[in-house]
Amino acid sequence: MPSYALNFYNPAVADQLRTGRKTATIRLGDKSAKYRKGMIVTVLCGARYGHRERIFDAVIDKVEVKPLGELSPREIEHDNPLLKRVDELQHFLSQLYNREVSESDIVTVIRFSQIVNS
């Protein structure tokens, strides 16, 4: 059983994860010390400090740290299929983190793949 987790608090994300439309997460700040390529993590969805649902186990394929303004539309879409542009993600992250986020803020792009049993 993996000892690390990727937690998602928005219940709408669970469906995106299950259908494979969400294959990355973009987190504010440098998370490269916590998440590394090749790590096995449990992907969880549910309320903070509440019950969480185990969606699947995953392997981390890539961890990249860069300014928000340098994200490509493809990177953004892997995180949220409903967003395509930096300004849209900037607004979304500002709401999520409850503070103003700028294009110069550092983010970590964590790409992951579901582990399936064959």
PDB file of N, CA and C in Angstrom:
ATOM      1  N   MET A   1       0.847  -1.191   0.000  1.00  0.00           N
ATOM      2  CA  MET A   1       0.000   0.000   0.000  1.00  0.00           C
ATOM      3  C   MET A   1       0.887   1.247   0.000  1.00  0.00           C
ATOM      4  N   PRO A   2       0.664   2.186  -0.926  1.00  0.00           N
ATOM      5  CA  PRO A   2       1.468   3.411  -0.947  1.00  0.00           C
ATOM      6  C   PRO A   2       1.308   4.223   0.335  1.00  0.00           C
ATOM      7  N   SER A   3       2.359   4.925   0.723  1.00  0.00           N
ATOM      8  CA  SER A   3       2.283   5.732   1.928  1.00  0.00           C
ATOM      9  C   SER A   3       2.149   7.222   1.615  1.00  0.00           C
ATOM     10  N   TYR A   4       2.123   7.569   0.340  1.00  0.00           N
ATOM     11  CA  TYR A   4       1.916   8.948  -0.072  1.00  0.00           C
ATOM     12  C   TYR A   4       0.595   9.048  -0.814  1.00  0.00           C
ATOM     13  N   ALA A   5       0.011  10.236  -0.785  1.00  0.00           N
ATOM     14  CA  ALA A   5      -1.282  10.421  -1.434  1.00  0.00           C
ATOM     15  C   ALA A   5      -1.310  11.727  -2.213  1.00  0.00           C
ATOM     16  N   LEU A   6      -2.110  11.727  -3.257  1.00  0.00           N
ATOM     17  CA  LEU A   6      -2.516  12.955  -3.935  1.00  0.00           C
ATOM     18  C   LEU A   6      -3.967  13.154  -3.541  1.00  0.00           C
ATOM     19  N   ASN A   7      -4.229  14.214  -2.794  1.00  0.00           N
ATOM     20  CA  ASN A   7      -5.571  14.490  -2.305  1.00  0.00           C
ATOM     21  C   ASN A   7      -6.260  15.534  -3.170  1.00  0.00           C
ATOM     22  N   PHE A   8      -7.502  15.264  -3.507  1.00  0.00           N
ATOM     23  CA  PHE A   8      -8.334  16.211  -4.251  1.00  0.00           C
ATOM     24  C   PHE A   8      -9.591  16.453  -3.417  1.00  0.00           C
ATOM     25  N   TYR A   9      -9.890  17.727  -3.152  1.00  0.00           N
ATOM     26  CA  TYR A   9     -10.992  18.063  -2.265  1.00  0.00           C
ATOM     27  C   TYR A   9     -12.290  18.342  -3.008  1.00  0.00           C
ATOM     28  N   ASN A  10     -12.224  18.599  -4.302  1.00  0.00           N
ATOM     29  CA  ASN A  10     -13.412  18.893  -5.094  1.00  0.00           C
ATOM     30  C   ASN A  10     -14.023  17.571  -5.565  1.00  0.00           C
ATOM     31  N   PRO A  11     -15.272  17.260  -5.173  1.00  0.00           N
ATOM     32  CA  PRO A  11     -15.873  15.981  -5.556  1.00  0.00           C
ATOM     33  C   PRO A  11     -16.060  15.818  -7.063  1.00  0.00           C
ATOM     34  N   ALA A  12     -16.142  16.903  -7.807  1.00  0.00           N
ATOM     35  CA  ALA A  12     -16.295  16.820  -9.262  1.00  0.00           C
ATOM     36  C   ALA A  12     -15.064  16.220  -9.920  1.00  0.00           C
ATOM     37  N   VAL A  13     -13.919  16.315  -9.261  1.00  0.00           N
ATOM     38  CA  VAL A  13     -12.665  15.806  -9.799  1.00  0.00           C
ATOM     39  C   VAL A  13     -12.664  14.276  -9.854  1.00  0.00           C
ATOM     40  N   ALA A  14     -13.396  13.638  -8.954  1.00  0.00           N
ATOM     41  CA  ALA A  14     -13.410  12.172  -8.906  1.00  0.00           C
ATOM     42  C   ALA A  14     -13.805  11.576 -10.249  1.00  0.00           C
ATOM     43  N   ASP A  15     -14.810  12.139 -10.898  1.00  0.00           N
ATOM     44  CA  ASP A  15     -15.242  11.632 -12.200  1.00  0.00           C
ATOM     45  C   ASP A  15     -14.162  11.856 -13.253  1.00  0.00           C
ATOM     46  N   GLN A  16     -13.518  13.019 -13.222  1.00  0.00           N
ATOM     47  CA  GLN A  16     -12.437  13.302 -14.174  1.00  0.00           C
ATOM     48  C   GLN A  16     -11.287  12.314 -13.992  1.00  0.00           C
ATOM     49  N   LEU A  17     -11.003  11.949 -12.754  1.00  0.00           N
ATOM     50  CA  LEU A  17      -9.940  10.991 -12.479  1.00  0.00           C
ATOM     51  C   LEU A  17     -10.327   9.597 -12.984  1.00  0.00           C
ATOM     52  N   ARG A  18     -11.538   9.170 -12.677  1.00  0.00           N
ATOM     53  CA  ARG A  18     -11.998   7.832 -13.081  1.00  0.00           C
ATOM     54  C   ARG A  18     -12.018   7.649 -14.594  1.00  0.00           C
ATOM     55  N   THR A  19     -12.361   8.704 -15.314  1.00  0.00           N
ATOM     56  CA  THR A  19     -12.472   8.600 -16.780  1.00  0.00           C
ATOM     57  C   THR A  19     -11.152   8.897 -17.491  1.00  0.00           C
ATOM     58  N   GLY A  20     -10.116   9.240 -16.732  1.00  0.00           N
ATOM     59  CA  GLY A  20      -8.816   9.492 -17.332  1.00  0.00           C
ATOM     60  C   GLY A  20      -8.671  10.859 -17.967  1.00  0.00           C
ATOM     61  N   ARG A  21      -9.635  11.759 -17.731  1.00  0.00           N
ATOM     62  CA  ARG A  21      -9.530  13.119 -18.280  1.00  0.00           C
ATOM     63  C   ARG A  21      -8.585  13.981 -17.460  1.00  0.00           C
ATOM     64  N   LYS A  22      -8.345  13.613 -16.202  1.00  0.00           N
ATOM     65  CA  LYS A  22      -7.409  14.341 -15.336  1.00  0.00           C
ATOM     66  C   LYS A  22      -6.215  13.428 -15.090  1.00  0.00           C
ATOM     67  N   THR A  23      -5.067  13.822 -15.653  1.00  0.00           N
ATOM     68  CA  THR A  23      -3.860  13.008 -15.539  1.00  0.00           C
ATOM     69  C   THR A  23      -2.702  13.800 -14.938  1.00  0.00           C
ATOM     70  N   ALA A  24      -3.025  14.947 -14.363  1.00  0.00           N
ATOM     71  CA  ALA A  24      -2.009  15.784 -13.725  1.00  0.00           C
ATOM     72  C   ALA A  24      -2.665  16.635 -12.660  1.00  0.00           C
ATOM     73  N   THR A  25      -1.845  17.151 -11.783  1.00  0.00           N
ATOM     74  CA  THR A  25      -2.307  18.153 -10.837  1.00  0.00           C
ATOM     75  C   THR A  25      -1.269  19.268 -10.805  1.00  0.00           C
ATOM     76  N   ILE A  26      -1.753  20.490 -10.748  1.00  0.00           N
ATOM     77  CA  ILE A  26      -0.876  21.658 -10.662  1.00  0.00           C
ATOM     78  C   ILE A  26      -1.059  22.240  -9.274  1.00  0.00           C
ATOM     79  N   ARG A  27       0.014  22.195  -8.493  1.00  0.00           N
ATOM     80  CA  ARG A  27      -0.017  22.653  -7.109  1.00  0.00           C
ATOM     81  C   ARG A  27       0.816  23.914  -6.966  1.00  0.00           C
ATOM     82  N   LEU A  28       0.323  24.836  -6.159  1.00  0.00           N
ATOM     83  CA  LEU A  28       1.032  26.084  -5.899  1.00  0.00           C
ATOM     84  C   LEU A  28       2.265  25.789  -5.042  1.00  0.00           C
ATOM     85  N   GLY A  29       3.397  26.325  -5.446  1.00  0.00           N
ATOM     86  CA  GLY A  29       4.643  26.129  -4.709  1.00  0.00           C
ATOM     87  C   GLY A  29       5.478  24.990  -5.276  1.00  0.00           C
ATOM     88  N   ASP A  30       6.665  24.833  -4.742  1.00  0.00           N
ATOM     89  CA  ASP A  30       7.596  23.789  -5.169  1.00  0.00           C
ATOM     90  C   ASP A  30       7.355  22.542  -4.322  1.00  0.00           C
ATOM     91  N   LYS A  31       6.762  21.520  -4.924  1.00  0.00           N
ATOM     92  CA  LYS A  31       6.447  20.265  -4.239  1.00  0.00           C
ATOM     93  C   LYS A  31       7.401  19.145  -4.655  1.00  0.00           C
ATOM     94  N   SER A  32       8.531  19.515  -5.301  1.00  0.00           N
ATOM     95  CA  SER A  32       9.445  18.497  -5.823  1.00  0.00           C
ATOM     96  C   SER A  32      10.139  17.693  -4.723  1.00  0.00           C
ATOM     97  N   ALA A  33      10.205  18.210  -3.524  1.00  0.00           N
ATOM     98  CA  ALA A  33      10.806  17.441  -2.427  1.00  0.00           C
ATOM     99  C   ALA A  33       9.843  16.368  -1.916  1.00  0.00           C
ATOM    100  N   LYS A  34       8.553  16.588  -2.103  1.00  0.00           N
ATOM    101  CA  LYS A  34       7.546  15.640  -1.620  1.00  0.00           C
ATOM    102  C   LYS A  34       7.192  14.595  -2.661  1.00  0.00           C
ATOM    103  N   TYR A  35       7.065  14.996  -3.916  1.00  0.00           N
ATOM    104  CA  TYR A  35       6.663  14.083  -4.992  1.00  0.00           C
ATOM    105  C   TYR A  35       7.802  13.951  -6.000  1.00  0.00           C
ATOM    106  N   ARG A  36       8.166  12.699  -6.319  1.00  0.00           N
ATOM    107  CA  ARG A  36       9.254  12.441  -7.246  1.00  0.00           C
ATOM    108  C   ARG A  36       8.828  11.427  -8.298  1.00  0.00           C
ATOM    109  N   LYS A  37       9.437  11.529  -9.464  1.00  0.00           N
ATOM    110  CA  LYS A  37       9.176  10.589 -10.552  1.00  0.00           C
ATOM    111  C   LYS A  37       9.377   9.155 -10.053  1.00  0.00           C
ATOM    112  N   GLY A  38       8.433   8.273 -10.403  1.00  0.00           N
ATOM    113  CA  GLY A  38       8.519   6.869 -10.028  1.00  0.00           C
ATOM    114  C   GLY A  38       7.837   6.522  -8.722  1.00  0.00           C
ATOM    115  N   MET A  39       7.455   7.515  -7.934  1.00  0.00           N
ATOM    116  CA  MET A  39       6.755   7.244  -6.673  1.00  0.00           C
ATOM    117  C   MET A  39       5.388   6.633  -6.950  1.00  0.00           C
ATOM    118  N   ILE A  40       4.966   5.750  -6.052  1.00  0.00           N
ATOM    119  CA  ILE A  40       3.622   5.198  -6.094  1.00  0.00           C
ATOM    120  C   ILE A  40       2.801   5.965  -5.055  1.00  0.00           C
ATOM    121  N   VAL A  41       1.650   6.485  -5.467  1.00  0.00           N
ATOM    122  CA  VAL A  41       0.779   7.265  -4.575  1.00  0.00           C
ATOM    123  C   VAL A  41      -0.649   6.736  -4.669  1.00  0.00           C
ATOM    124  N   THR A  42      -1.420   6.980  -3.633  1.00  0.00           N
ATOM    125  CA  THR A  42      -2.848   6.718  -3.665  1.00  0.00           C
ATOM    126  C   THR A  42      -3.541   8.027  -4.016  1.00  0.00           C
ATOM    127  N   VAL A  43      -4.429   7.981  -4.996  1.00  0.00           N
ATOM    128  CA  VAL A  43      -5.192   9.156  -5.401  1.00  0.00           C
ATOM    129  C   VAL A  43      -6.517   9.118  -4.634  1.00  0.00           C
ATOM    130  N   LEU A  44      -6.759  10.163  -3.841  1.00  0.00           N
ATOM    131  CA  LEU A  44      -7.930  10.241  -2.964  1.00  0.00           C
ATOM    132  C   LEU A  44      -8.767  11.459  -3.306  1.00  0.00           C
ATOM    133  N   CYS A  45     -10.071  11.349  -3.052  1.00  0.00           N
ATOM    134  CA  CYS A  45     -10.966  12.474  -3.280  1.00  0.00           C
ATOM    135  C   CYS A  45     -11.947  12.558  -2.113  1.00  0.00           C
ATOM    136  N   GLY A  46     -12.121  13.766  -1.587  1.00  0.00           N
ATOM    137  CA  GLY A  46     -13.070  13.962  -0.500  1.00  0.00           C
ATOM    138  C   GLY A  46     -12.763  15.218   0.279  1.00  0.00           C
ATOM    139  N   ALA A  47     -13.623  15.523   1.213  1.00  0.00           N
ATOM    140  CA  ALA A  47     -13.532  16.757   1.994  1.00  0.00           C
ATOM    141  C   ALA A  47     -12.294  16.771   2.885  1.00  0.00           C
ATOM    142  N   ARG A  48     -11.713  17.950   3.004  1.00  0.00           N
ATOM    143  CA  ARG A  48     -10.584  18.127   3.913  1.00  0.00           C
ATOM    144  C   ARG A  48     -11.065  17.815   5.332  1.00  0.00           C
ATOM    145  N   TYR A  49     -10.280  17.060   6.071  1.00  0.00           N
ATOM    146  CA  TYR A  49     -10.599  16.633   7.436  1.00  0.00           C
ATOM    147  C   TYR A  49     -11.863  15.772   7.488  1.00  0.00           C
ATOM    148  N   GLY A  50     -12.239  15.171   6.364  1.00  0.00           N
ATOM    149  CA  GLY A  50     -13.429  14.321   6.325  1.00  0.00           C
ATOM    150  C   GLY A  50     -13.128  13.009   5.635  1.00  0.00           C
ATOM    151  N   HIS A  51     -14.192  12.310   5.285  1.00  0.00           N
ATOM    152  CA  HIS A  51     -14.056  11.032   4.602  1.00  0.00           C
ATOM    153  C   HIS A  51     -13.513  11.244   3.197  1.00  0.00           C
ATOM    154  N   ARG A  52     -12.638  10.348   2.793  1.00  0.00           N
ATOM    155  CA  ARG A  52     -12.062  10.395   1.448  1.00  0.00           C
ATOM    156  C   ARG A  52     -12.289   9.065   0.768  1.00  0.00           C
ATOM    157  N   GLU A  53     -12.471   9.147  -0.538  1.00  0.00           N
ATOM    158  CA  GLU A  53     -12.645   7.949  -1.343  1.00  0.00           C
ATOM    159  C   GLU A  53     -11.338   7.646  -2.063  1.00  0.00           C
ATOM    160  N   ARG A  54     -10.929   6.385  -2.015  1.00  0.00           N
ATOM    161  CA  ARG A  54      -9.747   5.956  -2.759  1.00  0.00           C
ATOM    162  C   ARG A  54     -10.181   5.757  -4.205  1.00  0.00           C
ATOM    163  N   ILE A  55      -9.579   6.515  -5.117  1.00  0.00           N
ATOM    164  CA  ILE A  55      -9.940   6.425  -6.529  1.00  0.00           C
ATOM    165  C   ILE A  55      -9.083   5.357  -7.209  1.00  0.00           C
ATOM    166  N   PHE A  56      -7.766   5.438  -7.068  1.00  0.00           N
ATOM    167  CA  PHE A  56      -6.851   4.430  -7.600  1.00  0.00           C
ATOM    168  C   PHE A  56      -5.443   4.700  -7.085  1.00  0.00           C
ATOM    169  N   ASP A  57      -4.564   3.738  -7.295  1.00  0.00           N
ATOM    170  CA  ASP A  57      -3.134   3.951  -7.074  1.00  0.00           C
ATOM    171  C   ASP A  57      -2.539   4.424  -8.397  1.00  0.00           C
ATOM    172  N   ALA A  58      -1.497   5.225  -8.294  1.00  0.00           N
ATOM    173  CA  ALA A  58      -0.879   5.791  -9.497  1.00  0.00           C
ATOM    174  C   ALA A  58       0.623   5.857  -9.327  1.00  0.00           C
ATOM    175  N   VAL A  59       1.307   5.943 -10.453  1.00  0.00           N
ATOM    176  CA  VAL A  59       2.737   6.194 -10.464  1.00  0.00           C
ATOM    177  C   VAL A  59       2.941   7.620 -10.957  1.00  0.00           C
ATOM    178  N   ILE A  60       3.864   8.322 -10.330  1.00  0.00           N
ATOM    179  CA  ILE A  60       4.176   9.682 -10.762  1.00  0.00           C
ATOM    180  C   ILE A  60       5.148   9.591 -11.933  1.00  0.00           C
ATOM    181  N   ASP A  61       4.726  10.139 -13.068  1.00  0.00           N
ATOM    182  CA  ASP A  61       5.504  10.077 -14.302  1.00  0.00           C
ATOM    183  C   ASP A  61       6.485  11.233 -14.440  1.00  0.00           C
ATOM    184  N   LYS A  62       6.112  12.403 -13.917  1.00  0.00           N
ATOM    185  CA  LYS A  62       6.937  13.597 -14.121  1.00  0.00           C
ATOM    186  C   LYS A  62       6.571  14.637 -13.071  1.00  0.00           C
ATOM    187  N   VAL A  63       7.581  15.320 -12.566  1.00  0.00           N
ATOM    188  CA  VAL A  63       7.388  16.433 -11.632  1.00  0.00           C
ATOM    189  C   VAL A  63       8.195  17.598 -12.189  1.00  0.00           C
ATOM    190  N   GLU A  64       7.516  18.700 -12.463  1.00  0.00           N
ATOM    191  CA  GLU A  64       8.193  19.849 -13.052  1.00  0.00           C
ATOM    192  C   GLU A  64       7.785  21.122 -12.309  1.00  0.00           C
ATOM    193  N   VAL A  65       8.765  21.911 -11.927  1.00  0.00           N
ATOM    194  CA  VAL A  65       8.546  23.162 -11.203  1.00  0.00           C
ATOM    195  C   VAL A  65       8.832  24.320 -12.150  1.00  0.00           C
ATOM    196  N   LYS A  66       7.889  25.269 -12.234  1.00  0.00           N
ATOM    197  CA  LYS A  66       8.057  26.414 -13.134  1.00  0.00           C
ATOM    198  C   LYS A  66       7.100  27.529 -12.720  1.00  0.00           C
ATOM    199  N   PRO A  67       7.318  28.743 -13.236  1.00  0.00           N
ATOM    200  CA  PRO A  67       6.357  29.817 -12.987  1.00  0.00           C
ATOM    201  C   PRO A  67       5.020  29.505 -13.674  1.00  0.00           C
ATOM    202  N   LEU A  68       3.938  29.901 -13.052  1.00  0.00           N
ATOM    203  CA  LEU A  68       2.603  29.671 -13.593  1.00  0.00           C
ATOM    204  C   LEU A  68       2.493  30.165 -15.032  1.00  0.00           C
ATOM    205  N   GLY A  69       3.077  31.313 -15.308  1.00  0.00           N
ATOM    206  CA  GLY A  69       2.988  31.910 -16.642  1.00  0.00           C
ATOM    207  C   GLY A  69       3.644  31.105 -17.745  1.00  0.00           C
ATOM    208  N   GLU A  70       4.476  30.127 -17.396  1.00  0.00           N
ATOM    209  CA  GLU A  70       5.160  29.299 -18.398  1.00  0.00           C
ATOM    210  C   GLU A  70       4.419  27.999 -18.715  1.00  0.00           C
ATOM    211  N   LEU A  71       3.268  27.774 -18.102  1.00  0.00           N
ATOM    212  CA  LEU A  71       2.519  26.550 -18.373  1.00  0.00           C
ATOM    213  C   LEU A  71       1.944  26.556 -19.782  1.00  0.00           C
ATOM    214  N   SER A  72       1.961  25.414 -20.423  1.00  0.00           N
ATOM    215  CA  SER A  72       1.383  25.282 -21.756  1.00  0.00           C
ATOM    216  C   SER A  72      -0.106  24.961 -21.641  1.00  0.00           C
ATOM    217  N   PRO A  73      -0.878  25.243 -22.687  1.00  0.00           N
ATOM    218  CA  PRO A  73      -2.304  24.874 -22.678  1.00  0.00           C
ATOM    219  C   PRO A  73      -2.499  23.374 -22.435  1.00  0.00           C
ATOM    220  N   ARG A  74      -1.608  22.557 -22.955  1.00  0.00           N
ATOM    221  CA  ARG A  74      -1.705  21.105 -22.765  1.00  0.00           C
ATOM    222  C   ARG A  74      -1.518  20.722 -21.289  1.00  0.00           C
ATOM    223  N   GLU A  75      -0.541  21.336 -20.622  1.00  0.00           N
ATOM    224  CA  GLU A  75      -0.322  21.059 -19.194  1.00  0.00           C
ATOM    225  C   GLU A  75      -1.554  21.451 -18.383  1.00  0.00           C
ATOM    226  N   ILE A  76      -2.120  22.601 -18.698  1.00  0.00           N
ATOM    227  CA  ILE A  76      -3.304  23.083 -17.995  1.00  0.00           C
ATOM    228  C   ILE A  76      -4.474  22.132 -18.214  1.00  0.00           C
ATOM    229  N   GLU A  77      -4.653  21.685 -19.446  1.00  0.00           N
ATOM    230  CA  GLU A  77      -5.767  20.793 -19.779  1.00  0.00           C
ATOM    231  C   GLU A  77      -5.638  19.434 -19.087  1.00  0.00           C
ATOM    232  N   HIS A  78      -4.409  18.936 -18.888  1.00  0.00           N
ATOM    233  CA  HIS A  78      -4.211  17.669 -18.177  1.00  0.00           C
ATOM    234  C   HIS A  78      -4.643  17.790 -16.722  1.00  0.00           C
ATOM    235  N   ASP A  79      -4.518  18.996 -16.157  1.00  0.00           N
ATOM    236  CA  ASP A  79      -4.963  19.245 -14.786  1.00  0.00           C
ATOM    237  C   ASP A  79      -6.471  19.448 -14.729  1.00  0.00           C
ATOM    238  N   ASN A  80      -6.994  20.263 -15.616  1.00  0.00           N
ATOM    239  CA  ASN A  80      -8.422  20.578 -15.612  1.00  0.00           C
ATOM    240  C   ASN A  80      -8.895  20.669 -17.058  1.00  0.00           C
ATOM    241  N   PRO A  81      -9.636  19.657 -17.529  1.00  0.00           N
ATOM    242  CA  PRO A  81     -10.071  19.640 -18.928  1.00  0.00           C
ATOM    243  C   PRO A  81     -10.948  20.829 -19.326  1.00  0.00           C
ATOM    244  N   LEU A  82     -11.460  21.559 -18.339  1.00  0.00           N
ATOM    245  CA  LEU A  82     -12.326  22.703 -18.623  1.00  0.00           C
ATOM    246  C   LEU A  82     -11.538  23.993 -18.833  1.00  0.00           C
ATOM    247  N   LEU A  83     -10.247  23.974 -18.538  1.00  0.00           N
ATOM    248  CA  LEU A  83      -9.411  25.169 -18.664  1.00  0.00           C
ATOM    249  C   LEU A  83      -8.374  24.966 -19.754  1.00  0.00           C
ATOM    250  N   LYS A  84      -8.003  26.073 -20.411  1.00  0.00           N
ATOM    251  CA  LYS A  84      -6.991  25.996 -21.471  1.00  0.00           C
ATOM    252  C   LYS A  84      -5.901  27.065 -21.332  1.00  0.00           C
ATOM    253  N   ARG A  85      -6.244  28.190 -20.683  1.00  0.00           N
ATOM    254  CA  ARG A  85      -5.331  29.338 -20.664  1.00  0.00           C
ATOM    255  C   ARG A  85      -4.798  29.603 -19.246  1.00  0.00           C
ATOM    256  N   VAL A  86      -3.621  30.232 -19.206  1.00  0.00           N
ATOM    257  CA  VAL A  86      -2.976  30.559 -17.937  1.00  0.00           C
ATOM    258  C   VAL A  86      -3.874  31.434 -17.074  1.00  0.00           C
ATOM    259  N   ASP A  87      -4.534  32.448 -17.682  1.00  0.00           N
ATOM    260  CA  ASP A  87      -5.370  33.347 -16.880  1.00  0.00           C
ATOM    261  C   ASP A  87      -6.547  32.610 -16.241  1.00  0.00           C
ATOM    262  N   GLU A  88      -7.076  31.591 -16.926  1.00  0.00           N
ATOM    263  CA  GLU A  88      -8.164  30.789 -16.357  1.00  0.00           C
ATOM    264  C   GLU A  88      -7.660  29.985 -15.155  1.00  0.00           C
ATOM    265  N   LEU A  89      -6.489  29.368 -15.304  1.00  0.00           N
ATOM    266  CA  LEU A  89      -5.913  28.596 -14.200  1.00  0.00           C
ATOM    267  C   LEU A  89      -5.524  29.516 -13.046  1.00  0.00           C
ATOM    268  N   GLN A  90      -5.008  30.694 -13.377  1.00  0.00           N
ATOM    269  CA  GLN A  90      -4.634  31.668 -12.348  1.00  0.00           C
ATOM    270  C   GLN A  90      -5.853  32.027 -11.493  1.00  0.00           C
ATOM    271  N   HIS A  91      -6.984  32.282 -12.131  1.00  0.00           N
ATOM    272  CA  HIS A  91      -8.223  32.597 -11.408  1.00  0.00           C
ATOM    273  C   HIS A  91      -8.660  31.403 -10.558  1.00  0.00           C
ATOM    274  N   PHE A  92      -8.604  30.197 -11.133  1.00  0.00           N
ATOM    275  CA  PHE A  92      -8.999  28.983 -10.425  1.00  0.00           C
ATOM    276  C   PHE A  92      -8.128  28.762  -9.182  1.00  0.00           C
ATOM    277  N   LEU A  93      -6.801  28.892  -9.337  1.00  0.00           N
ATOM    278  CA  LEU A  93      -5.896  28.704  -8.201  1.00  0.00           C
ATOM    279  C   LEU A  93      -6.089  29.779  -7.136  1.00  0.00           C
ATOM    280  N   SER A  94      -6.391  30.999  -7.545  1.00  0.00           N
ATOM    281  CA  SER A  94      -6.657  32.069  -6.576  1.00  0.00           C
ATOM    282  C   SER A  94      -7.858  31.714  -5.701  1.00  0.00           C
ATOM    283  N   GLN A  95      -8.885  31.149  -6.311  1.00  0.00           N
ATOM    284  CA  GLN A  95     -10.054  30.728  -5.550  1.00  0.00           C
ATOM    285  C   GLN A  95      -9.734  29.528  -4.656  1.00  0.00           C
ATOM    286  N   LEU A  96      -9.004  28.563  -5.206  1.00  0.00           N
ATOM    287  CA  LEU A  96      -8.677  27.341  -4.480  1.00  0.00           C
ATOM    288  C   LEU A  96      -7.815  27.620  -3.254  1.00  0.00           C
ATOM    289  N   TYR A  97      -6.802  28.474  -3.423  1.00  0.00           N
ATOM    290  CA  TYR A  97      -5.867  28.759  -2.333  1.00  0.00           C
ATOM    291  C   TYR A  97      -6.277  29.980  -1.509  1.00  0.00           C
ATOM    292  N   ASN A  98      -7.392  30.609  -1.901  1.00  0.00           N
ATOM    293  CA  ASN A  98      -7.942  31.742  -1.149  1.00  0.00           C
ATOM    294  C   ASN A  98      -6.928  32.882  -1.003  1.00  0.00           C
ATOM    295  N   ARG A  99      -6.201  33.150  -2.084  1.00  0.00           N
ATOM    296  CA  ARG A  99      -5.258  34.276  -2.129  1.00  0.00           C
ATOM    297  C   ARG A  99      -4.988  34.609  -3.589  1.00  0.00           C
ATOM    298  N   GLU A 100      -4.491  35.807  -3.815  1.00  0.00           N
ATOM    299  CA  GLU A 100      -4.177  36.234  -5.180  1.00  0.00           C
ATOM    300  C   GLU A 100      -2.966  35.453  -5.698  1.00  0.00           C
ATOM    301  N   VAL A 101      -3.104  34.876  -6.868  1.00  0.00           N
ATOM    302  CA  VAL A 101      -2.030  34.121  -7.506  1.00  0.00           C
ATOM    303  C   VAL A 101      -1.630  34.871  -8.770  1.00  0.00           C
ATOM    304  N   SER A 102      -0.318  35.009  -9.000  1.00  0.00           N
ATOM    305  CA  SER A 102       0.157  35.726 -10.184  1.00  0.00           C
ATOM    306  C   SER A 102       0.876  34.762 -11.126  1.00  0.00           C
ATOM    307  N   GLU A 103       1.133  35.225 -12.338  1.00  0.00           N
ATOM    308  CA  GLU A 103       1.833  34.408 -13.333  1.00  0.00           C
ATOM    309  C   GLU A 103       3.274  34.117 -12.914  1.00  0.00           C
ATOM    310  N   SER A 104       3.824  34.895 -12.000  1.00  0.00           N
ATOM    311  CA  SER A 104       5.195  34.662 -11.548  1.00  0.00           C
ATOM    312  C   SER A 104       5.269  33.668 -10.388  1.00  0.00           C
ATOM    313  N   ASP A 105       4.122  33.303  -9.812  1.00  0.00           N
ATOM    314  CA  ASP A 105       4.119  32.321  -8.723  1.00  0.00           C
ATOM    315  C   ASP A 105       4.616  30.970  -9.243  1.00  0.00           C
ATOM    316  N   ILE A 106       5.394  30.286  -8.414  1.00  0.00           N
ATOM    317  CA  ILE A 106       5.931  28.967  -8.759  1.00  0.00           C
ATOM    318  C   ILE A 106       4.844  27.910  -8.533  1.00  0.00           C
ATOM    319  N   VAL A 107       4.724  27.009  -9.509  1.00  0.00           N
ATOM    320  CA  VAL A 107       3.798  25.886  -9.392  1.00  0.00           C
ATOM    321  C   VAL A 107       4.557  24.593  -9.685  1.00  0.00           C
ATOM    322  N   THR A 108       3.983  23.489  -9.228  1.00  0.00           N
ATOM    323  CA  THR A 108       4.533  22.172  -9.525  1.00  0.00           C
ATOM    324  C   THR A 108       3.511  21.406 -10.334  1.00  0.00           C
ATOM    325  N   VAL A 109       3.930  20.927 -11.494  1.00  0.00           N
ATOM    326  CA  VAL A 109       3.080  20.097 -12.346  1.00  0.00           C
ATOM    327  C   VAL A 109       3.443  18.648 -12.048  1.00  0.00           C
ATOM    328  N   ILE A 110       2.469  17.894 -11.556  1.00  0.00           N
ATOM    329  CA  ILE A 110       2.682  16.483 -11.220  1.00  0.00           C
ATOM    330  C   ILE A 110       1.850  15.652 -12.179  1.00  0.00           C
ATOM    331  N   ARG A 111       2.519  14.938 -13.095  1.00  0.00           N
ATOM    332  CA  ARG A 111       1.846  14.049 -14.045  1.00  0.00           C
ATOM    333  C   ARG A 111       1.821  12.650 -13.444  1.00  0.00           C
ATOM    334  N   PHE A 112       0.698  11.965 -13.571  1.00  0.00           N
ATOM    335  CA  PHE A 112       0.568  10.630 -12.990  1.00  0.00           C
ATOM    336  C   PHE A 112      -0.226   9.714 -13.914  1.00  0.00           C
ATOM    337  N   SER A 113      -0.019   8.404 -13.734  1.00  0.00           N
ATOM    338  CA  SER A 113      -0.737   7.394 -14.506  1.00  0.00           C
ATOM    339  C   SER A 113      -1.334   6.379 -13.541  1.00  0.00           C
ATOM    340  N   GLN A 114      -2.567   6.010 -13.817  1.00  0.00           N
ATOM    341  CA  GLN A 114      -3.249   5.022 -12.991  1.00  0.00           C
ATOM    342  C   GLN A 114      -2.567   3.666 -13.142  1.00  0.00           C
ATOM    343  N   ILE A 115      -2.467   2.948 -12.029  1.00  0.00           N
ATOM    344  CA  ILE A 115      -1.952   1.580 -12.036  1.00  0.00           C
ATOM    345  C   ILE A 115      -3.164   0.655 -12.108  1.00  0.00           C
ATOM    346  N   VAL A 116      -3.217  -0.159 -13.149  1.00  0.00           N
ATOM    347  CA  VAL A 116      -4.345  -1.086 -13.299  1.00  0.00           C
ATOM    348  C   VAL A 116      -3.873  -2.508 -13.083  1.00  0.00           C
ATOM    349  N   ASN A 117      -4.761  -3.331 -12.550  1.00  0.00           N
ATOM    350  CA  ASN A 117      -4.469  -4.751 -12.368  1.00  0.00           C
ATOM    351  C   ASN A 117      -4.870  -5.493 -13.626  1.00  0.00           C
ATOM    352  N   SER A 118      -3.981  -6.346 -14.126  1.00  0.00           N
ATOM    353  CA  SER A 118      -4.318  -7.089 -15.329  1.00  0.00           C
ATOM    354  C   SER A 118      -4.536  -8.558 -15.031  1.00  0.00           C
TER     355      SER A 118
END
